[in-house]
Amino acid sequence: MDVGELQRKLSQRAIGEPQHRFGDLYSLLAHPDWLAKAYDRVKTNTGSQTPGVDGVTRTPFEANLEGHLETLRQELKSGTFHPLPVRRVTIE
């Protein structure tokens, strides 16, 4: 599946037909190609080498990338995925 092409088509349809109601877009989030594309984009972000709010860096995640993405996929499909809160910094 060409994720970029499908995103382009969905975007064009949304702009061209604002009244159109899309069906099951959520299932696209759990598609292996979409998860892989999302990971590719995240790993290019600045700060992608620093630990997240859970203290895990990208390196151990990548050690079992397919397993982690499959676990995420199953949690998304079953509705059991719960994201962690973002890191907060208090400014005095």
PDB file of N, CA and C in Angstrom:
ATOM      1  N   MET A   1       0.850  -1.177   0.000  1.00  0.00           N
ATOM      2  CA  MET A   1       0.000   0.000   0.000  1.00  0.00           C
ATOM      3  C   MET A   1       0.895   1.240   0.000  1.00  0.00           C
ATOM      4  N   ASP A   2       0.633   2.151  -0.901  1.00  0.00           N
ATOM      5  CA  ASP A   2       1.375   3.402  -0.949  1.00  0.00           C
ATOM      6  C   ASP A   2       0.661   4.401  -0.025  1.00  0.00           C
ATOM      7  N   VAL A   3       1.210   4.547   1.170  1.00  0.00           N
ATOM      8  CA  VAL A   3       0.591   5.385   2.198  1.00  0.00           C
ATOM      9  C   VAL A   3       0.475   6.830   1.735  1.00  0.00           C
ATOM     10  N   GLY A   4       1.551   7.362   1.185  1.00  0.00           N
ATOM     11  CA  GLY A   4       1.543   8.757   0.746  1.00  0.00           C
ATOM     12  C   GLY A   4       0.491   9.025  -0.309  1.00  0.00           C
ATOM     13  N   GLU A   5       0.358   8.095  -1.266  1.00  0.00           N
ATOM     14  CA  GLU A   5      -0.628   8.258  -2.333  1.00  0.00           C
ATOM     15  C   GLU A   5      -2.049   8.191  -1.781  1.00  0.00           C
ATOM     16  N   LEU A   6      -2.297   7.259  -0.862  1.00  0.00           N
ATOM     17  CA  LEU A   6      -3.634   7.157  -0.274  1.00  0.00           C
ATOM     18  C   LEU A   6      -3.960   8.391   0.555  1.00  0.00           C
ATOM     19  N   GLN A   7      -2.983   8.902   1.296  1.00  0.00           N
ATOM     20  CA  GLN A   7      -3.201  10.129   2.064  1.00  0.00           C
ATOM     21  C   GLN A   7      -3.539  11.286   1.126  1.00  0.00           C
ATOM     22  N   ARG A   8      -2.829  11.364  -0.002  1.00  0.00           N
ATOM     23  CA  ARG A   8      -3.091  12.425  -0.978  1.00  0.00           C
ATOM     24  C   ARG A   8      -4.510  12.316  -1.516  1.00  0.00           C
ATOM     25  N   LYS A   9      -4.930  11.104  -1.859  1.00  0.00           N
ATOM     26  CA  LYS A   9      -6.280  10.906  -2.395  1.00  0.00           C
ATOM     27  C   LYS A   9      -7.352  11.237  -1.362  1.00  0.00           C
ATOM     28  N   LEU A  10      -7.131  10.816  -0.127  1.00  0.00           N
ATOM     29  CA  LEU A  10      -8.097  11.132   0.934  1.00  0.00           C
ATOM     30  C   LEU A  10      -8.185  12.638   1.150  1.00  0.00           C
ATOM     31  N   SER A  11      -7.038  13.304   1.127  1.00  0.00           N
ATOM     32  CA  SER A  11      -7.014  14.747   1.315  1.00  0.00           C
ATOM     33  C   SER A  11      -7.743  15.460   0.178  1.00  0.00           C
ATOM     34  N   GLN A  12      -7.481  15.030  -1.042  1.00  0.00           N
ATOM     35  CA  GLN A  12      -8.150  15.653  -2.189  1.00  0.00           C
ATOM     36  C   GLN A  12      -9.660  15.448  -2.125  1.00  0.00           C
ATOM     37  N   ARG A  13     -10.068  14.269  -1.707  1.00  0.00           N
ATOM     38  CA  ARG A  13     -11.507  14.011  -1.623  1.00  0.00           C
ATOM     39  C   ARG A  13     -12.144  14.859  -0.534  1.00  0.00           C
ATOM     40  N   ALA A  14     -11.450  14.993   0.596  1.00  0.00           N
ATOM     41  CA  ALA A  14     -11.978  15.802   1.700  1.00  0.00           C
ATOM     42  C   ALA A  14     -12.120  17.258   1.279  1.00  0.00           C
ATOM     43  N   ILE A  15     -11.166  17.762   0.511  1.00  0.00           N
ATOM     44  CA  ILE A  15     -11.231  19.149   0.043  1.00  0.00           C
ATOM     45  C   ILE A  15     -12.275  19.298  -1.054  1.00  0.00           C
ATOM     46  N   GLY A  16     -12.306  18.343  -1.983  1.00  0.00           N
ATOM     47  CA  GLY A  16     -13.235  18.417  -3.116  1.00  0.00           C
ATOM     48  C   GLY A  16     -14.675  18.142  -2.756  1.00  0.00           C
ATOM     49  N   GLU A  17     -14.891  17.315  -1.746  1.00  0.00           N
ATOM     50  CA  GLU A  17     -16.243  16.945  -1.330  1.00  0.00           C
ATOM     51  C   GLU A  17     -16.372  17.085   0.187  1.00  0.00           C
ATOM     52  N   PRO A  18     -16.478  18.314   0.694  1.00  0.00           N
ATOM     53  CA  PRO A  18     -16.524  18.510   2.145  1.00  0.00           C
ATOM     54  C   PRO A  18     -17.665  17.768   2.839  1.00  0.00           C
ATOM     55  N   GLN A  19     -18.731  17.462   2.122  1.00  0.00           N
ATOM     56  CA  GLN A  19     -19.868  16.767   2.722  1.00  0.00           C
ATOM     57  C   GLN A  19     -19.646  15.256   2.796  1.00  0.00           C
ATOM     58  N   HIS A  20     -18.606  14.749   2.139  1.00  0.00           N
ATOM     59  CA  HIS A  20     -18.363  13.302   2.127  1.00  0.00           C
ATOM     60  C   HIS A  20     -18.018  12.795   3.524  1.00  0.00           C
ATOM     61  N   ARG A  21     -18.632  11.691   3.915  1.00  0.00           N
ATOM     62  CA  ARG A  21     -18.351  11.051   5.203  1.00  0.00           C
ATOM     63  C   ARG A  21     -17.488   9.831   4.927  1.00  0.00           C
ATOM     64  N   PHE A  22     -16.271   9.848   5.441  1.00  0.00           N
ATOM     65  CA  PHE A  22     -15.369   8.730   5.242  1.00  0.00           C
ATOM     66  C   PHE A  22     -15.777   7.590   6.154  1.00  0.00           C
ATOM     67  N   GLY A  23     -15.519   6.380   5.702  1.00  0.00           N
ATOM     68  CA  GLY A  23     -15.864   5.187   6.481  1.00  0.00           C
ATOM     69  C   GLY A  23     -14.882   4.943   7.601  1.00  0.00           C
ATOM     70  N   ASP A  24     -14.238   3.839   7.580  1.00  0.00           N
ATOM     71  CA  ASP A  24     -13.408   3.368   8.678  1.00  0.00           C
ATOM     72  C   ASP A  24     -11.962   3.850   8.549  1.00  0.00           C
ATOM     73  N   LEU A  25     -11.714   5.135   8.769  1.00  0.00           N
ATOM     74  CA  LEU A  25     -10.355   5.670   8.702  1.00  0.00           C
ATOM     75  C   LEU A  25      -9.485   5.140   9.835  1.00  0.00           C
ATOM     76  N   TYR A  26     -10.093   4.836  10.967  1.00  0.00           N
ATOM     77  CA  TYR A  26      -9.338   4.356  12.118  1.00  0.00           C
ATOM     78  C   TYR A  26      -8.580   3.068  11.790  1.00  0.00           C
ATOM     79  N   SER A  27      -9.162   2.217  10.961  1.00  0.00           N
ATOM     80  CA  SER A  27      -8.497   0.954  10.626  1.00  0.00           C
ATOM     81  C   SER A  27      -7.190   1.195   9.884  1.00  0.00           C
ATOM     82  N   LEU A  28      -7.075   2.325   9.195  1.00  0.00           N
ATOM     83  CA  LEU A  28      -5.821   2.643   8.515  1.00  0.00           C
ATOM     84  C   LEU A  28      -4.687   2.840   9.514  1.00  0.00           C
ATOM     85  N   LEU A  29      -5.000   3.367  10.695  1.00  0.00           N
ATOM     86  CA  LEU A  29      -3.975   3.583  11.709  1.00  0.00           C
ATOM     87  C   LEU A  29      -3.324   2.278  12.143  1.00  0.00           C
ATOM     88  N   ALA A  30      -4.079   1.204  12.117  1.00  0.00           N
ATOM     89  CA  ALA A  30      -3.569  -0.088  12.564  1.00  0.00           C
ATOM     90  C   ALA A  30      -2.981  -0.906  11.419  1.00  0.00           C
ATOM     91  N   HIS A  31      -2.960  -0.373  10.216  1.00  0.00           N
ATOM     92  CA  HIS A  31      -2.392  -1.098   9.080  1.00  0.00           C
ATOM     93  C   HIS A  31      -0.868  -1.095   9.204  1.00  0.00           C
ATOM     94  N   PRO A  32      -0.218  -2.237   8.999  1.00  0.00           N
ATOM     95  CA  PRO A  32       1.239  -2.321   9.156  1.00  0.00           C
ATOM     96  C   PRO A  32       2.009  -1.292   8.324  1.00  0.00           C
ATOM     97  N   ASP A  33       1.570  -1.023   7.098  1.00  0.00           N
ATOM     98  CA  ASP A  33       2.263  -0.037   6.256  1.00  0.00           C
ATOM     99  C   ASP A  33       2.178   1.364   6.862  1.00  0.00           C
ATOM    100  N   TRP A  34       1.015   1.711   7.412  1.00  0.00           N
ATOM    101  CA  TRP A  34       0.843   3.034   8.011  1.00  0.00           C
ATOM    102  C   TRP A  34       1.670   3.166   9.280  1.00  0.00           C
ATOM    103  N   LEU A  35       1.734   2.102  10.081  1.00  0.00           N
ATOM    104  CA  LEU A  35       2.542   2.147  11.295  1.00  0.00           C
ATOM    105  C   LEU A  35       4.028   2.287  10.953  1.00  0.00           C
ATOM    106  N   ALA A  36       4.481   1.567   9.935  1.00  0.00           N
ATOM    107  CA  ALA A  36       5.885   1.657   9.520  1.00  0.00           C
ATOM    108  C   ALA A  36       6.204   3.058   9.011  1.00  0.00           C
ATOM    109  N   LYS A  37       5.296   3.631   8.233  1.00  0.00           N
ATOM    110  CA  LYS A  37       5.497   4.990   7.714  1.00  0.00           C
ATOM    111  C   LYS A  37       5.521   5.999   8.862  1.00  0.00           C
ATOM    112  N   ALA A  38       4.633   5.828   9.831  1.00  0.00           N
ATOM    113  CA  ALA A  38       4.600   6.730  10.982  1.00  0.00           C
ATOM    114  C   ALA A  38       5.909   6.638  11.758  1.00  0.00           C
ATOM    115  N   TYR A  39       6.413   5.422  11.946  1.00  0.00           N
ATOM    116  CA  TYR A  39       7.680   5.263  12.661  1.00  0.00           C
ATOM    117  C   TYR A  39       8.824   5.923  11.890  1.00  0.00           C
ATOM    118  N   ASP A  40       8.841   5.758  10.578  1.00  0.00           N
ATOM    119  CA  ASP A  40       9.884   6.399   9.760  1.00  0.00           C
ATOM    120  C   ASP A  40       9.872   7.913   9.941  1.00  0.00           C
ATOM    121  N   ARG A  41       8.685   8.492  10.035  1.00  0.00           N
ATOM    122  CA  ARG A  41       8.590   9.950  10.228  1.00  0.00           C
ATOM    123  C   ARG A  41       9.020  10.356  11.627  1.00  0.00           C
ATOM    124  N   VAL A  42       8.628   9.575  12.626  1.00  0.00           N
ATOM    125  CA  VAL A  42       8.978   9.902  14.012  1.00  0.00           C
ATOM    126  C   VAL A  42      10.484   9.829  14.228  1.00  0.00           C
ATOM    127  N   LYS A  43      11.137   8.831  13.632  1.00  0.00           N
ATOM    128  CA  LYS A  43      12.569   8.669  13.884  1.00  0.00           C
ATOM    129  C   LYS A  43      13.411   9.775  13.250  1.00  0.00           C
ATOM    130  N   THR A  44      12.846  10.559  12.344  1.00  0.00           N
ATOM    131  CA  THR A  44      13.585  11.672  11.753  1.00  0.00           C
ATOM    132  C   THR A  44      13.376  12.980  12.525  1.00  0.00           C
ATOM    133  N   ASN A  45      12.493  12.953  13.526  1.00  0.00           N
ATOM    134  CA  ASN A  45      12.252  14.159  14.328  1.00  0.00           C
ATOM    135  C   ASN A  45      13.490  14.535  15.136  1.00  0.00           C
ATOM    136  N   THR A  46      13.664  15.838  15.359  1.00  0.00           N
ATOM    137  CA  THR A  46      14.725  16.262  16.271  1.00  0.00           C
ATOM    138  C   THR A  46      14.377  15.739  17.649  1.00  0.00           C
ATOM    139  N   GLY A  47      15.357  15.277  18.353  1.00  0.00           N
ATOM    140  CA  GLY A  47      15.121  14.742  19.676  1.00  0.00           C
ATOM    141  C   GLY A  47      14.694  13.292  19.675  1.00  0.00           C
ATOM    142  N   SER A  48      14.708  12.641  18.519  1.00  0.00           N
ATOM    143  CA  SER A  48      14.257  11.250  18.471  1.00  0.00           C
ATOM    144  C   SER A  48      15.226  10.293  19.165  1.00  0.00           C
ATOM    145  N   GLN A  49      16.426  10.769  19.486  1.00  0.00           N
ATOM    146  CA  GLN A  49      17.398   9.931  20.190  1.00  0.00           C
ATOM    147  C   GLN A  49      17.287  10.078  21.707  1.00  0.00           C
ATOM    148  N   THR A  50      16.509  11.043  22.175  1.00  0.00           N
ATOM    149  CA  THR A  50      16.378  11.265  23.619  1.00  0.00           C
ATOM    150  C   THR A  50      15.255  10.395  24.172  1.00  0.00           C
ATOM    151  N   PRO A  51      15.320  10.043  25.450  1.00  0.00           N
ATOM    152  CA  PRO A  51      14.257   9.214  26.041  1.00  0.00           C
ATOM    153  C   PRO A  51      12.918   9.942  26.051  1.00  0.00           C
ATOM    154  N   GLY A  52      11.860   9.176  25.894  1.00  0.00           N
ATOM    155  CA  GLY A  52      10.520   9.739  25.973  1.00  0.00           C
ATOM    156  C   GLY A  52      10.070   9.828  27.411  1.00  0.00           C
ATOM    157  N   VAL A  53       8.781  10.105  27.619  1.00  0.00           N
ATOM    158  CA  VAL A  53       8.266  10.225  28.981  1.00  0.00           C
ATOM    159  C   VAL A  53       8.337   8.901  29.731  1.00  0.00           C
ATOM    160  N   ASP A  54       8.431   7.791  28.987  1.00  0.00           N
ATOM    161  CA  ASP A  54       8.548   6.477  29.624  1.00  0.00           C
ATOM    162  C   ASP A  54       9.997   6.096  29.889  1.00  0.00           C
ATOM    163  N   GLY A  55      10.941   6.980  29.513  1.00  0.00           N
ATOM    164  CA  GLY A  55      12.356   6.730  29.749  1.00  0.00           C
ATOM    165  C   GLY A  55      13.019   5.840  28.710  1.00  0.00           C
ATOM    166  N   VAL A  56      12.295   5.422  27.702  1.00  0.00           N
ATOM    167  CA  VAL A  56      12.829   4.528  26.675  1.00  0.00           C
ATOM    168  C   VAL A  56      13.341   5.347  25.497  1.00  0.00           C
ATOM    169  N   THR A  57      14.546   5.010  25.040  1.00  0.00           N
ATOM    170  CA  THR A  57      15.092   5.653  23.841  1.00  0.00           C
ATOM    171  C   THR A  57      14.691   4.837  22.619  1.00  0.00           C
ATOM    172  N   ARG A  58      15.016   5.351  21.471  1.00  0.00           N
ATOM    173  CA  ARG A  58      14.669   4.694  20.222  1.00  0.00           C
ATOM    174  C   ARG A  58      15.438   3.386  20.026  1.00  0.00           C
ATOM    175  N   THR A  59      16.654   3.296  20.544  1.00  0.00           N
ATOM    176  CA  THR A  59      17.507   2.134  20.292  1.00  0.00           C
ATOM    177  C   THR A  59      16.878   0.818  20.768  1.00  0.00           C
ATOM    178  N   PRO A  60      16.423   0.700  22.028  1.00  0.00           N
ATOM    179  CA  PRO A  60      15.802  -0.573  22.419  1.00  0.00           C
ATOM    180  C   PRO A  60      14.481  -0.840  21.698  1.00  0.00           C
ATOM    181  N   PHE A  61      13.784   0.219  21.332  1.00  0.00           N
ATOM    182  CA  PHE A  61      12.542   0.050  20.576  1.00  0.00           C
ATOM    183  C   PHE A  61      12.850  -0.559  19.216  1.00  0.00           C
ATOM    184  N   GLU A  62      13.915  -0.064  18.578  1.00  0.00           N
ATOM    185  CA  GLU A  62      14.297  -0.571  17.260  1.00  0.00           C
ATOM    186  C   GLU A  62      14.829  -1.999  17.314  1.00  0.00           C
ATOM    187  N   ALA A  63      15.338  -2.425  18.477  1.00  0.00           N
ATOM    188  CA  ALA A  63      15.875  -3.777  18.599  1.00  0.00           C
ATOM    189  C   ALA A  63      14.792  -4.824  18.317  1.00  0.00           C
ATOM    190  N   ASN A  64      13.555  -4.487  18.617  1.00  0.00           N
ATOM    191  CA  ASN A  64      12.426  -5.382  18.335  1.00  0.00           C
ATOM    192  C   ASN A  64      11.330  -4.581  17.642  1.00  0.00           C
ATOM    193  N   LEU A  65      11.708  -3.859  16.603  1.00  0.00           N
ATOM    194  CA  LEU A  65      10.782  -2.935  15.936  1.00  0.00           C
ATOM    195  C   LEU A  65       9.524  -3.633  15.457  1.00  0.00           C
ATOM    196  N   GLU A  66       9.665  -4.742  14.741  1.00  0.00           N
ATOM    197  CA  GLU A  66       8.475  -5.415  14.218  1.00  0.00           C
ATOM    198  C   GLU A  66       7.570  -5.902  15.335  1.00  0.00           C
ATOM    199  N   GLY A  67       8.156  -6.423  16.410  1.00  0.00           N
ATOM    200  CA  GLY A  67       7.353  -6.880  17.543  1.00  0.00           C
ATOM    201  C   GLY A  67       6.617  -5.744  18.225  1.00  0.00           C
ATOM    202  N   HIS A  68       7.314  -4.609  18.407  1.00  0.00           N
ATOM    203  CA  HIS A  68       6.669  -3.452  19.032  1.00  0.00           C
ATOM    204  C   HIS A  68       5.553  -2.891  18.157  1.00  0.00           C
ATOM    205  N   LEU A  69       5.803  -2.808  16.848  1.00  0.00           N
ATOM    206  CA  LEU A  69       4.766  -2.290  15.951  1.00  0.00           C
ATOM    207  C   LEU A  69       3.572  -3.241  15.895  1.00  0.00           C
ATOM    208  N   GLU A  70       3.830  -4.552  15.964  1.00  0.00           N
ATOM    209  CA  GLU A  70       2.725  -5.516  15.962  1.00  0.00           C
ATOM    210  C   GLU A  70       1.918  -5.403  17.252  1.00  0.00           C
ATOM    211  N   THR A  71       2.589  -5.217  18.385  1.00  0.00           N
ATOM    212  CA  THR A  71       1.884  -5.030  19.651  1.00  0.00           C
ATOM    213  C   THR A  71       1.021  -3.777  19.593  1.00  0.00           C
ATOM    214  N   LEU A  72       1.581  -2.697  19.073  1.00  0.00           N
ATOM    215  CA  LEU A  72       0.825  -1.453  18.920  1.00  0.00           C
ATOM    216  C   LEU A  72      -0.366  -1.669  18.001  1.00  0.00           C
ATOM    217  N   ARG A  73      -0.152  -2.384  16.917  1.00  0.00           N
ATOM    218  CA  ARG A  73      -1.224  -2.670  15.964  1.00  0.00           C
ATOM    219  C   ARG A  73      -2.371  -3.411  16.645  1.00  0.00           C
ATOM    220  N   GLN A  74      -2.033  -4.436  17.427  1.00  0.00           N
ATOM    221  CA  GLN A  74      -3.065  -5.218  18.113  1.00  0.00           C
ATOM    222  C   GLN A  74      -3.814  -4.370  19.147  1.00  0.00           C
ATOM    223  N   GLU A  75      -3.082  -3.505  19.862  1.00  0.00           N
ATOM    224  CA  GLU A  75      -3.730  -2.637  20.849  1.00  0.00           C
ATOM    225  C   GLU A  75      -4.649  -1.618  20.175  1.00  0.00           C
ATOM    226  N   LEU A  76      -4.231  -1.097  19.022  1.00  0.00           N
ATOM    227  CA  LEU A  76      -5.083  -0.164  18.285  1.00  0.00           C
ATOM    228  C   LEU A  76      -6.348  -0.871  17.794  1.00  0.00           C
ATOM    229  N   LYS A  77      -6.176  -2.068  17.256  1.00  0.00           N
ATOM    230  CA  LYS A  77      -7.324  -2.811  16.734  1.00  0.00           C
ATOM    231  C   LYS A  77      -8.311  -3.190  17.831  1.00  0.00           C
ATOM    232  N   SER A  78      -7.801  -3.557  19.000  1.00  0.00           N
ATOM    233  CA  SER A  78      -8.681  -3.999  20.079  1.00  0.00           C
ATOM    234  C   SER A  78      -9.217  -2.840  20.921  1.00  0.00           C
ATOM    235  N   GLY A  79      -8.646  -1.634  20.703  1.00  0.00           N
ATOM    236  CA  GLY A  79      -9.109  -0.472  21.463  1.00  0.00           C
ATOM    237  C   GLY A  79      -8.503  -0.387  22.852  1.00  0.00           C
ATOM    238  N   THR A  80      -7.427  -1.127  23.099  1.00  0.00           N
ATOM    239  CA  THR A  80      -6.811  -1.123  24.419  1.00  0.00           C
ATOM    240  C   THR A  80      -5.591  -0.210  24.513  1.00  0.00           C
ATOM    241  N   PHE A  81      -5.225   0.465  23.425  1.00  0.00           N
ATOM    242  CA  PHE A  81      -4.064   1.357  23.446  1.00  0.00           C
ATOM    243  C   PHE A  81      -4.390   2.612  24.239  1.00  0.00           C
ATOM    244  N   HIS A  82      -3.528   2.953  25.190  1.00  0.00           N
ATOM    245  CA  HIS A  82      -3.684   4.174  25.977  1.00  0.00           C
ATOM    246  C   HIS A  82      -2.350   4.913  25.949  1.00  0.00           C
ATOM    247  N   PRO A  83      -2.281   6.043  25.252  1.00  0.00           N
ATOM    248  CA  PRO A  83      -1.013   6.784  25.176  1.00  0.00           C
ATOM    249  C   PRO A  83      -0.640   7.368  26.534  1.00  0.00           C
ATOM    250  N   LEU A  84       0.653   7.503  26.739  1.00  0.00           N
ATOM    251  CA  LEU A  84       1.142   8.151  27.954  1.00  0.00           C
ATOM    252  C   LEU A  84       0.985   9.657  27.810  1.00  0.00           C
ATOM    253  N   PRO A  85       0.838  10.381  28.911  1.00  0.00           N
ATOM    254  CA  PRO A  85       0.762  11.842  28.817  1.00  0.00           C
ATOM    255  C   PRO A  85       2.090  12.405  28.322  1.00  0.00           C
ATOM    256  N   VAL A  86       2.043  13.573  27.741  1.00  0.00           N
ATOM    257  CA  VAL A  86       3.263  14.214  27.261  1.00  0.00           C
ATOM    258  C   VAL A  86       4.072  14.747  28.441  1.00  0.00           C
ATOM    259  N   ARG A  87       5.354  14.970  28.198  1.00  0.00           N
ATOM    260  CA  ARG A  87       6.205  15.512  29.255  1.00  0.00           C
ATOM    261  C   ARG A  87       5.828  16.971  29.490  1.00  0.00           C
ATOM    262  N   ARG A  88       5.723  17.342  30.744  1.00  0.00           N
ATOM    263  CA  ARG A  88       5.375  18.721  31.086  1.00  0.00           C
ATOM    264  C   ARG A  88       6.517  19.362  31.814  1.00  0.00           C
ATOM    265  N   VAL A  89       6.768  20.604  31.475  1.00  0.00           N
ATOM    266  CA  VAL A  89       7.810  21.384  32.144  1.00  0.00           C
ATOM    267  C   VAL A  89       7.147  22.600  32.752  1.00  0.00           C
ATOM    268  N   THR A  90       7.318  22.773  34.053  1.00  0.00           N
ATOM    269  CA  THR A  90       6.719  23.907  34.742  1.00  0.00           C
ATOM    270  C   THR A  90       7.679  25.093  34.684  1.00  0.00           C
ATOM    271  N   ILE A  91       7.195  26.205  34.212  1.00  0.00           N
ATOM    272  CA  ILE A  91       8.005  27.434  34.150  1.00  0.00           C
ATOM    273  C   ILE A  91       7.612  28.302  35.330  1.00  0.00           C
ATOM    274  N   GLU A  92       8.577  28.608  36.147  1.00  0.00           N
ATOM    275  CA  GLU A  92       8.281  29.430  37.329  1.00  0.00           C
ATOM    276  C   GLU A  92       8.096  30.882  36.972  1.00  0.00           C
TER     277      GLU A  92
END
